[in-house]
Amino acid sequence: MCLGIPGRIERIDDVARKLATVDVGGVKRQVNIACVVSDEHPVSSCVGDWVLIHVGFAMSRLDEAEAAETLRILTELGEAQAELEAMRRSAATTIGAAP
């Protein structure tokens, strides 16, 4: 099963590579935002956007109400907690690793 989880873009880390730091339930994670940018919505305008994240990529933008509802449903299903734990473990293993 593939799981996408909502997160909010906090900052742009690398404009050229389209990398941003996203807050996913309190966990900060760097993701690729190439799929959610366009000429009409450039990288620089993405801070504050809610996005649906899957395997390190922001797949689509969504509004805050959709993000909240998605998180509520995922929490009810118990999948959000498992995904957050996996992200925490992954983030912990990559801290201090060379880019």
C-alpha atoms as a PDB file:
ATOM      1  CA  MET A   1       0.000   0.000   0.000  1.00  0.00           C
ATOM      2  CA  CYS A   2       1.293   3.451  -0.887  1.00  0.00           C
ATOM      3  CA  LEU A   3       0.743   6.165   1.666  1.00  0.00           C
ATOM      4  CA  GLY A   4       0.890   9.899   1.071  1.00  0.00           C
ATOM      5  CA  ILE A   5       0.885  12.109   4.134  1.00  0.00           C
ATOM      6  CA  PRO A   6       0.281  15.876   4.326  1.00  0.00           C
ATOM      7  CA  GLY A   7       3.038  18.237   5.387  1.00  0.00           C
ATOM      8  CA  ARG A   8       3.611  21.988   5.352  1.00  0.00           C
ATOM      9  CA  ILE A   9       6.590  23.497   3.514  1.00  0.00           C
ATOM     10  CA  GLU A  10       8.611  25.520   6.030  1.00  0.00           C
ATOM     11  CA  ARG A  11      11.560  26.684   3.951  1.00  0.00           C
ATOM     12  CA  ILE A  12      13.276  26.272   0.598  1.00  0.00           C
ATOM     13  CA  ASP A  13      16.677  24.618   1.014  1.00  0.00           C
ATOM     14  CA  ASP A  14      17.877  24.502  -2.606  1.00  0.00           C
ATOM     15  CA  VAL A  15      16.035  26.371  -5.369  1.00  0.00           C
ATOM     16  CA  ALA A  16      17.965  24.755  -8.227  1.00  0.00           C
ATOM     17  CA  ARG A  17      17.402  21.198  -6.942  1.00  0.00           C
ATOM     18  CA  LYS A  18      13.858  22.041  -5.772  1.00  0.00           C
ATOM     19  CA  LEU A  19      14.437  20.828  -2.220  1.00  0.00           C
ATOM     20  CA  ALA A  20      12.451  22.089   0.750  1.00  0.00           C
ATOM     21  CA  THR A  21      12.074  21.332   4.432  1.00  0.00           C
ATOM     22  CA  VAL A  22       8.579  20.146   5.263  1.00  0.00           C
ATOM     23  CA  ASP A  23       6.964  19.711   8.680  1.00  0.00           C
ATOM     24  CA  VAL A  24       5.068  16.436   8.854  1.00  0.00           C
ATOM     25  CA  GLY A  25       3.393  16.164  12.224  1.00  0.00           C
ATOM     26  CA  GLY A  26       6.320  17.822  13.983  1.00  0.00           C
ATOM     27  CA  VAL A  27       8.954  15.879  12.052  1.00  0.00           C
ATOM     28  CA  LYS A  28      11.115  18.019   9.777  1.00  0.00           C
ATOM     29  CA  ARG A  29      12.017  16.309   6.518  1.00  0.00           C
ATOM     30  CA  GLN A  30      13.690  17.456   3.318  1.00  0.00           C
ATOM     31  CA  VAL A  31      11.598  16.635   0.251  1.00  0.00           C
ATOM     32  CA  ASN A  32      11.734  17.268  -3.462  1.00  0.00           C
ATOM     33  CA  ILE A  33       9.029  19.726  -4.550  1.00  0.00           C
ATOM     34  CA  ALA A  34       9.559  19.491  -8.336  1.00  0.00           C
ATOM     35  CA  CYS A  35       6.086  17.991  -8.860  1.00  0.00           C
ATOM     36  CA  VAL A  36       4.298  20.960  -7.247  1.00  0.00           C
ATOM     37  CA  VAL A  37       6.105  23.864  -8.936  1.00  0.00           C
ATOM     38  CA  SER A  38       5.325  25.490 -12.261  1.00  0.00           C
ATOM     39  CA  ASP A  39       5.784  28.794 -14.053  1.00  0.00           C
ATOM     40  CA  GLU A  40       2.656  30.031 -12.267  1.00  0.00           C
ATOM     41  CA  HIS A  41       3.762  28.643  -8.869  1.00  0.00           C
ATOM     42  CA  PRO A  42       7.578  28.869  -8.673  1.00  0.00           C
ATOM     43  CA  VAL A  43       9.755  27.336  -5.962  1.00  0.00           C
ATOM     44  CA  SER A  44       9.991  30.657  -4.120  1.00  0.00           C
ATOM     45  CA  SER A  45       6.200  30.775  -3.641  1.00  0.00           C
ATOM     46  CA  CYS A  46       5.915  27.328  -2.022  1.00  0.00           C
ATOM     47  CA  VAL A  47       6.710  28.275   1.597  1.00  0.00           C
ATOM     48  CA  GLY A  48       3.551  27.744   3.621  1.00  0.00           C
ATOM     49  CA  ASP A  49       1.985  25.365   1.096  1.00  0.00           C
ATOM     50  CA  TRP A  50       0.447  22.112   2.292  1.00  0.00           C
ATOM     51  CA  VAL A  51       1.594  19.194   0.153  1.00  0.00           C
ATOM     52  CA  LEU A  52       0.945  15.471  -0.041  1.00  0.00           C
ATOM     53  CA  ILE A  53       4.260  13.633   0.436  1.00  0.00           C
ATOM     54  CA  HIS A  54       5.181  10.169  -0.733  1.00  0.00           C
ATOM     55  CA  VAL A  55       8.683   8.614  -0.654  1.00  0.00           C
ATOM     56  CA  GLY A  56      10.445  11.968  -0.343  1.00  0.00           C
ATOM     57  CA  PHE A  57       8.482  13.813  -3.011  1.00  0.00           C
ATOM     58  CA  ALA A  58       5.717  16.385  -2.680  1.00  0.00           C
ATOM     59  CA  MET A  59       3.219  14.911  -5.141  1.00  0.00           C
ATOM     60  CA  SER A  60       0.503  17.583  -5.031  1.00  0.00           C
ATOM     61  CA  ARG A  61      -0.602  20.717  -3.219  1.00  0.00           C
ATOM     62  CA  LEU A  62      -3.680  20.707  -1.019  1.00  0.00           C
ATOM     63  CA  ASP A  63      -5.374  23.266   1.161  1.00  0.00           C
ATOM     64  CA  GLU A  64      -5.132  23.276   4.942  1.00  0.00           C
ATOM     65  CA  ALA A  65      -8.644  21.846   5.412  1.00  0.00           C
ATOM     66  CA  GLU A  66      -7.865  18.910   3.100  1.00  0.00           C
ATOM     67  CA  ALA A  67      -4.580  18.344   4.935  1.00  0.00           C
ATOM     68  CA  ALA A  68      -6.323  18.325   8.325  1.00  0.00           C
ATOM     69  CA  GLU A  69      -9.038  15.952   7.121  1.00  0.00           C
ATOM     70  CA  THR A  70      -6.479  13.607   5.545  1.00  0.00           C
ATOM     71  CA  LEU A  71      -4.425  13.525   8.747  1.00  0.00           C
ATOM     72  CA  ARG A  72      -7.570  12.859  10.787  1.00  0.00           C
ATOM     73  CA  ILE A  73      -8.526   9.930   8.589  1.00  0.00           C
ATOM     74  CA  LEU A  74      -5.006   8.511   8.538  1.00  0.00           C
ATOM     75  CA  THR A  75      -4.811   8.793  12.299  1.00  0.00           C
ATOM     76  CA  GLU A  76      -8.069   6.918  12.623  1.00  0.00           C
ATOM     77  CA  LEU A  77      -6.678   4.201  10.414  1.00  0.00           C
ATOM     78  CA  GLY A  78      -3.511   4.045  12.469  1.00  0.00           C
ATOM     79  CA  GLU A  79      -1.307   4.535   9.430  1.00  0.00           C
ATOM     80  CA  ALA A  80      -0.154   8.066  10.190  1.00  0.00           C
ATOM     81  CA  GLN A  81       1.641   6.982  13.346  1.00  0.00           C
ATOM     82  CA  ALA A  82       3.461   4.189  11.548  1.00  0.00           C
ATOM     83  CA  GLU A  83       4.508   6.536   8.727  1.00  0.00           C
ATOM     84  CA  LEU A  84       5.736   9.183  11.187  1.00  0.00           C
ATOM     85  CA  GLU A  85       7.736   6.576  13.093  1.00  0.00           C
ATOM     86  CA  ALA A  86       9.330   5.395   9.843  1.00  0.00           C
ATOM     87  CA  MET A  87      10.210   8.986   8.966  1.00  0.00           C
ATOM     88  CA  ARG A  88      11.716   9.561  12.423  1.00  0.00           C
ATOM     89  CA  ARG A  89      13.833   6.420  12.094  1.00  0.00           C
ATOM     90  CA  SER A  90      14.916   7.423   8.595  1.00  0.00           C
ATOM     91  CA  ALA A  91      15.728  10.983   9.691  1.00  0.00           C
ATOM     92  CA  ALA A  92      17.718   9.685  12.675  1.00  0.00           C
ATOM     93  CA  THR A  93      19.852   7.460  10.446  1.00  0.00           C
ATOM     94  CA  THR A  94      20.608  10.261   7.973  1.00  0.00           C
ATOM     95  CA  ILE A  95      21.579  12.920  10.539  1.00  0.00           C
ATOM     96  CA  GLY A  96      25.270  13.528  10.251  1.00  0.00           C
ATOM     97  CA  ALA A  97      25.534  11.639   6.965  1.00  0.00           C
ATOM     98  CA  ALA A  98      27.454  13.373   4.201  1.00  0.00           C
ATOM     99  CA  PRO A  99      25.252  14.839   1.448  1.00  0.00           C
END
